[in-house]
Structures are given as C-alpha cells and as structure tokens.
Amino acid sequence: MMDRVIVRMRRSSGAGRKMPSAALNQAMVSLANSHEMQPLLFEANAEGKALAIDIYQSRTGRPLLVHFSKEAL
C-alpha cells in the first residue's frame, strides 16, 4: 500500500521546483505507515486514491507546513 503514497515539495512561486530527497521521501512514507496515519491511508485506498503528502517550503527551502490529502492516481 506504500506505493499509494505521493510525496511532493511545494515552494513559493518563483522559487523553482524541487523533488524531495530519497531520505525525506522514505521518512514521509514511513510517517504515512504510522499508527496515527493509518485511518487516512486506508480511507484513501478504499476510495481508489493515493495519500498525497505536500511539504510546503519557504523561498530559502525551509519546511513550513506538511499537508496530507487524498488524490486520484
């Protein structure tokens, strides 16, 4: 079910696009597998969707917010 987890970096406009590092991607997938996140992951899976994890960053690249949502594959 971990193949249904999408991790993205979101930066402010004009800051360019950046992919999460392998370590950050693995950490977020592990977080999605935690006991607290299981209900959201199961709900997304039951709806045929993926769990999307968006990490919003400042222009300097510092994480500001982590947002979880369900998204069509």
N, C-alpha and C. Protein backbone atom coordinates (compact mmCIF):
# COMPACT_ATOMS: atom_id res chain seq x y z
N MET A 1 0.82 -1.19 0.00
CA MET A 1 0.00 0.00 0.00
C MET A 1 0.86 1.26 0.00
N MET A 2 2.14 1.11 0.31
CA MET A 2 3.02 2.28 0.34
C MET A 2 3.27 2.84 -1.05
N ASP A 3 2.93 2.07 -2.10
CA ASP A 3 3.06 2.60 -3.45
C ASP A 3 1.95 3.60 -3.75
N ARG A 4 1.02 3.77 -2.83
CA ARG A 4 -0.07 4.74 -2.96
C ARG A 4 0.19 5.99 -2.13
N VAL A 5 1.45 6.28 -1.86
CA VAL A 5 1.83 7.49 -1.14
C VAL A 5 2.66 8.36 -2.08
N ILE A 6 2.23 9.61 -2.26
CA ILE A 6 2.91 10.56 -3.13
C ILE A 6 3.51 11.66 -2.25
N VAL A 7 4.79 11.92 -2.39
CA VAL A 7 5.46 12.97 -1.62
C VAL A 7 5.94 14.04 -2.59
N ARG A 8 5.57 15.29 -2.33
CA ARG A 8 5.97 16.41 -3.19
C ARG A 8 6.47 17.57 -2.34
N MET A 9 7.38 18.32 -2.94
CA MET A 9 7.85 19.57 -2.34
C MET A 9 7.08 20.69 -3.02
N ARG A 10 6.58 21.62 -2.24
CA ARG A 10 5.89 22.79 -2.78
C ARG A 10 6.64 24.02 -2.32
N ARG A 11 7.09 24.82 -3.27
CA ARG A 11 7.83 26.03 -2.93
C ARG A 11 7.03 27.24 -3.36
N SER A 12 7.35 28.35 -2.78
CA SER A 12 6.64 29.58 -3.13
C SER A 12 6.87 29.91 -4.60
N SER A 13 5.96 30.69 -5.16
CA SER A 13 6.05 30.98 -6.59
C SER A 13 7.38 31.64 -6.93
N GLY A 14 7.92 31.24 -8.04
CA GLY A 14 9.18 31.80 -8.50
C GLY A 14 10.41 31.14 -7.90
N ALA A 15 10.22 30.16 -7.03
CA ALA A 15 11.36 29.53 -6.37
C ALA A 15 11.84 28.29 -7.10
N GLY A 16 11.18 27.91 -8.19
CA GLY A 16 11.60 26.72 -8.91
C GLY A 16 11.02 25.46 -8.29
N ARG A 17 11.17 24.35 -8.97
CA ARG A 17 10.60 23.09 -8.50
C ARG A 17 11.71 22.16 -8.04
N LYS A 18 11.47 21.46 -6.97
CA LYS A 18 12.49 20.58 -6.41
C LYS A 18 11.82 19.28 -5.95
N MET A 19 12.46 18.17 -6.23
CA MET A 19 11.96 16.86 -5.79
C MET A 19 12.52 16.58 -4.39
N PRO A 20 11.75 15.85 -3.55
CA PRO A 20 12.27 15.51 -2.23
C PRO A 20 13.43 14.52 -2.36
N SER A 21 14.35 14.60 -1.44
CA SER A 21 15.47 13.66 -1.43
C SER A 21 14.94 12.26 -1.12
N ALA A 22 15.74 11.25 -1.42
CA ALA A 22 15.34 9.87 -1.14
C ALA A 22 15.09 9.67 0.36
N ALA A 23 15.91 10.30 1.19
CA ALA A 23 15.76 10.16 2.64
C ALA A 23 14.46 10.80 3.13
N LEU A 24 14.14 12.00 2.61
CA LEU A 24 12.91 12.67 3.01
C LEU A 24 11.70 11.90 2.50
N ASN A 25 11.78 11.42 1.26
CA ASN A 25 10.69 10.62 0.70
C ASN A 25 10.42 9.40 1.58
N GLN A 26 11.48 8.68 1.95
CA GLN A 26 11.33 7.49 2.79
C GLN A 26 10.76 7.85 4.16
N ALA A 27 11.19 8.96 4.72
CA ALA A 27 10.69 9.39 6.03
C ALA A 27 9.19 9.69 5.97
N MET A 28 8.75 10.34 4.91
CA MET A 28 7.32 10.67 4.78
C MET A 28 6.48 9.42 4.53
N VAL A 29 7.01 8.48 3.76
CA VAL A 29 6.30 7.21 3.54
C VAL A 29 6.21 6.44 4.85
N SER A 30 7.28 6.47 5.65
CA SER A 30 7.25 5.82 6.96
C SER A 30 6.23 6.49 7.87
N LEU A 31 6.13 7.81 7.80
CA LEU A 31 5.13 8.54 8.58
C LEU A 31 3.73 8.11 8.17
N ALA A 32 3.50 7.95 6.87
CA ALA A 32 2.19 7.51 6.38
C ALA A 32 1.85 6.12 6.88
N ASN A 33 2.87 5.34 7.18
CA ASN A 33 2.66 3.97 7.67
C ASN A 33 2.47 3.92 9.20
N SER A 34 2.54 5.06 9.86
CA SER A 34 2.41 5.09 11.32
C SER A 34 0.98 4.81 11.75
N HIS A 35 0.82 4.41 12.98
CA HIS A 35 -0.49 4.09 13.55
C HIS A 35 -1.46 5.26 13.42
N GLU A 36 -0.97 6.47 13.63
CA GLU A 36 -1.83 7.65 13.60
C GLU A 36 -2.34 7.97 12.19
N MET A 37 -1.56 7.63 11.17
CA MET A 37 -1.93 7.96 9.80
C MET A 37 -2.68 6.84 9.08
N GLN A 38 -2.73 5.65 9.68
CA GLN A 38 -3.37 4.51 9.04
C GLN A 38 -4.82 4.78 8.62
N PRO A 39 -5.66 5.43 9.44
CA PRO A 39 -7.04 5.68 9.00
C PRO A 39 -7.11 6.48 7.70
N LEU A 40 -6.29 7.50 7.55
CA LEU A 40 -6.30 8.30 6.33
C LEU A 40 -5.80 7.49 5.14
N LEU A 41 -4.77 6.69 5.34
CA LEU A 41 -4.23 5.86 4.28
C LEU A 41 -5.25 4.82 3.83
N PHE A 42 -5.92 4.17 4.79
CA PHE A 42 -6.93 3.18 4.46
C PHE A 42 -8.14 3.81 3.76
N GLU A 43 -8.52 4.99 4.20
CA GLU A 43 -9.65 5.70 3.59
C GLU A 43 -9.33 6.05 2.13
N ALA A 44 -8.14 6.57 1.89
CA ALA A 44 -7.73 6.90 0.52
C ALA A 44 -7.71 5.64 -0.34
N ASN A 45 -7.17 4.55 0.20
CA ASN A 45 -7.09 3.30 -0.54
C ASN A 45 -8.49 2.77 -0.86
N ALA A 46 -9.42 2.86 0.08
CA ALA A 46 -10.78 2.38 -0.14
C ALA A 46 -11.48 3.18 -1.24
N GLU A 47 -11.10 4.43 -1.40
CA GLU A 47 -11.68 5.29 -2.44
C GLU A 47 -10.92 5.18 -3.77
N GLY A 48 -9.90 4.31 -3.81
CA GLY A 48 -9.10 4.15 -5.02
C GLY A 48 -8.17 5.32 -5.27
N LYS A 49 -7.80 6.02 -4.20
CA LYS A 49 -6.93 7.19 -4.32
C LYS A 49 -5.61 6.95 -3.60
N ALA A 50 -4.69 7.88 -3.81
CA ALA A 50 -3.40 7.84 -3.13
C ALA A 50 -3.40 8.86 -2.00
N LEU A 51 -2.54 8.67 -1.03
CA LEU A 51 -2.33 9.65 0.03
C LEU A 51 -1.23 10.59 -0.46
N ALA A 52 -1.57 11.86 -0.62
CA ALA A 52 -0.59 12.85 -1.09
C ALA A 52 -0.06 13.62 0.11
N ILE A 53 1.25 13.72 0.20
CA ILE A 53 1.91 14.47 1.25
C ILE A 53 2.66 15.62 0.59
N ASP A 54 2.19 16.84 0.82
CA ASP A 54 2.82 18.02 0.25
C ASP A 54 3.60 18.74 1.36
N ILE A 55 4.87 19.00 1.11
CA ILE A 55 5.72 19.71 2.05
C ILE A 55 5.94 21.11 1.48
N TYR A 56 5.35 22.09 2.11
CA TYR A 56 5.48 23.47 1.66
C TYR A 56 6.75 24.08 2.25
N GLN A 57 7.50 24.77 1.39
CA GLN A 57 8.78 25.34 1.81
C GLN A 57 8.79 26.85 1.58
N SER A 58 9.64 27.51 2.34
CA SER A 58 9.88 28.93 2.13
C SER A 58 10.80 29.08 0.92
N ARG A 59 11.04 30.31 0.50
CA ARG A 59 11.96 30.54 -0.62
C ARG A 59 13.37 30.05 -0.33
N THR A 60 13.73 30.00 0.94
CA THR A 60 15.07 29.53 1.30
C THR A 60 15.13 28.01 1.42
N GLY A 61 14.00 27.34 1.24
CA GLY A 61 13.99 25.88 1.29
C GLY A 61 13.66 25.29 2.63
N ARG A 62 13.31 26.11 3.60
CA ARG A 62 12.95 25.57 4.92
C ARG A 62 11.50 25.10 4.92
N PRO A 63 11.25 23.90 5.49
CA PRO A 63 9.87 23.40 5.54
C PRO A 63 9.00 24.28 6.45
N LEU A 64 7.82 24.61 5.97
CA LEU A 64 6.88 25.43 6.73
C LEU A 64 5.66 24.64 7.17
N LEU A 65 5.18 23.74 6.31
CA LEU A 65 3.92 23.06 6.54
C LEU A 65 3.92 21.73 5.82
N VAL A 66 3.32 20.73 6.44
CA VAL A 66 3.12 19.44 5.80
C VAL A 66 1.61 19.24 5.70
N HIS A 67 1.13 18.99 4.48
CA HIS A 67 -0.31 18.85 4.24
C HIS A 67 -0.60 17.46 3.69
N PHE A 68 -1.59 16.79 4.26
CA PHE A 68 -1.99 15.45 3.83
C PHE A 68 -3.34 15.55 3.13
N SER A 69 -3.48 14.87 1.99
CA SER A 69 -4.76 14.84 1.29
C SER A 69 -4.87 13.56 0.50
N LYS A 70 -6.07 13.28 0.00
CA LYS A 70 -6.30 12.15 -0.88
C LYS A 70 -6.30 12.67 -2.31
N GLU A 71 -5.72 11.89 -3.21
CA GLU A 71 -5.60 12.34 -4.60
C GLU A 71 -5.79 11.16 -5.55
N ALA A 72 -6.47 11.42 -6.66
CA ALA A 72 -6.66 10.38 -7.67
C ALA A 72 -5.30 9.97 -8.24
N LEU A 73 -5.19 8.71 -8.53
CA LEU A 73 -3.92 8.19 -9.10
C LEU A 73 -3.74 8.59 -10.52
